[in-house]
Amino acid sequence: MYAVIKTGGKQYRVAEGDVVDVEKLPAEEGASVDIGDVLMVVDGDQVTVGEPLVAGATVKATVTRQDRDKKIKIVHFRRRKHSRKQMGHRQSFSRLQIDKIEMK
């Protein structure tokens, strides 16, 4: 059984026991999170697709880590103009352990 969820403007395919890094959620480490934006649930041959969400479906997960990703470098360079600009960015993320996919 797996599901497609939407969180942080992105979609993720998750199954029970998976570990997923998502955009930062407002929860403490060790807290339980219910994700109600379930787009699709597949259980064997039975496929349930939402319009846009599956009614009564939730994904229960536990926040195992709140951290920041590796630094990426952004370089703006204009040739022959003596112009160069460097920046860095570290995106915050939450690591989720998927506990259960529920259909009501």
Protein backbone atom coordinates (compact mmCIF):
# COMPACT_ATOMS: atom_id res chain seq x y z
CA MET A 1 0.00 0.00 0.00
CA TYR A 2 1.30 3.42 -0.92
CA ALA A 3 -0.02 6.97 -1.24
CA VAL A 4 0.83 10.20 -3.01
CA ILE A 5 0.76 13.17 -0.64
CA LYS A 6 1.18 16.91 -1.11
CA THR A 7 3.11 19.04 1.37
CA GLY A 8 5.16 22.17 0.94
CA GLY A 9 4.05 22.61 -2.67
CA LYS A 10 5.57 19.26 -3.70
CA GLN A 11 4.22 15.74 -4.15
CA TYR A 12 5.74 12.62 -2.60
CA ARG A 13 5.06 8.91 -3.06
CA VAL A 14 5.15 7.31 0.39
CA ALA A 15 4.60 3.86 1.85
CA GLU A 16 4.51 2.68 5.47
CA GLY A 17 8.03 2.66 6.91
CA ASP A 18 9.46 5.16 4.40
CA VAL A 19 11.67 8.08 5.46
CA VAL A 20 10.99 11.29 3.49
CA ASP A 21 12.58 14.76 3.61
CA VAL A 22 9.91 17.46 3.12
CA GLU A 23 9.80 21.24 3.42
CA LYS A 24 10.02 22.37 7.05
CA LEU A 25 6.90 21.65 9.11
CA PRO A 26 5.99 23.53 12.32
CA ALA A 27 6.45 20.54 14.66
CA GLU A 28 9.02 19.43 17.21
CA GLU A 29 11.25 16.38 16.78
CA GLY A 30 9.39 13.28 17.93
CA ALA A 31 5.97 14.85 17.34
CA SER A 32 3.27 13.07 15.36
CA VAL A 33 1.97 14.76 12.20
CA ASP A 34 -1.22 14.00 10.26
CA ILE A 35 -1.08 14.84 6.55
CA GLY A 36 -4.57 15.23 5.09
CA ASP A 37 -3.58 16.27 1.56
CA VAL A 38 -3.65 12.76 0.05
CA LEU A 39 -3.93 12.78 -3.75
CA MET A 40 -3.96 9.03 -4.42
CA VAL A 41 -4.00 5.76 -2.49
CA VAL A 42 -3.05 2.39 -4.02
CA ASP A 43 -3.83 -0.81 -2.12
CA GLY A 44 -2.96 -3.81 -4.28
CA ASP A 45 -5.19 -3.62 -7.36
CA GLN A 46 -7.52 -1.02 -5.82
CA VAL A 47 -6.55 2.52 -6.90
CA THR A 48 -8.32 5.52 -5.34
CA VAL A 49 -7.68 8.85 -7.03
CA GLY A 50 -8.92 12.07 -5.43
CA GLU A 51 -10.60 14.98 -7.14
CA PRO A 52 -8.35 16.71 -6.03
CA LEU A 53 -8.04 14.98 -2.61
CA VAL A 54 -9.07 11.51 -1.46
CA ALA A 55 -11.93 11.94 1.03
CA GLY A 56 -11.21 10.45 4.45
CA ALA A 57 -7.58 9.53 3.75
CA THR A 58 -4.78 10.60 6.07
CA VAL A 59 -1.11 9.74 6.42
CA LYS A 60 0.31 9.58 9.94
CA ALA A 61 4.01 10.36 10.30
CA THR A 62 6.56 11.13 13.00
CA VAL A 63 9.06 13.99 12.73
CA THR A 64 12.47 12.43 13.33
CA ARG A 65 14.66 15.42 12.44
CA GLN A 66 14.50 19.19 11.85
CA ASP A 67 17.61 20.33 10.03
CA ARG A 68 19.05 22.33 7.15
CA ASP A 69 20.30 20.88 3.88
CA LYS A 70 23.75 21.26 2.31
CA LYS A 71 24.73 24.74 1.17
CA ILE A 72 24.31 25.46 -2.51
CA LYS A 73 26.20 28.26 -4.22
CA ILE A 74 24.51 30.77 -6.47
CA VAL A 75 26.82 32.67 -8.82
CA HIS A 76 25.75 35.57 -11.04
CA PHE A 77 28.45 36.37 -13.55
CA ARG A 78 28.43 38.85 -16.42
CA ARG A 79 31.28 38.35 -18.82
CA ARG A 80 33.42 41.33 -19.84
CA LYS A 81 31.65 43.60 -17.29
CA HIS A 82 33.77 43.01 -14.15
CA SER A 83 30.55 42.00 -12.43
CA ARG A 84 30.25 38.95 -10.23
CA LYS A 85 28.00 38.12 -7.29
CA GLN A 86 28.10 35.03 -5.07
CA MET A 87 25.48 33.88 -2.61
CA GLY A 88 24.75 30.72 -0.67
CA HIS A 89 21.50 29.08 0.42
CA ARG A 90 20.61 26.33 2.91
CA GLN A 91 17.05 25.02 2.75
CA SER A 92 15.36 23.90 5.97
CA PHE A 93 13.70 20.49 5.96
CA SER A 94 11.83 18.04 8.17
CA ARG A 95 12.57 14.31 8.03
CA LEU A 96 9.41 12.22 8.37
CA GLN A 97 9.05 8.54 9.24
CA ILE A 98 5.77 7.35 7.68
CA ASP A 99 3.86 5.32 10.26
CA LYS A 100 0.45 4.57 8.77
CA ILE A 101 -1.78 5.23 5.76
CA GLU A 102 -5.44 5.35 6.77
CA MET A 103 -8.60 5.19 4.64
CA LYS A 104 -11.96 5.83 6.31
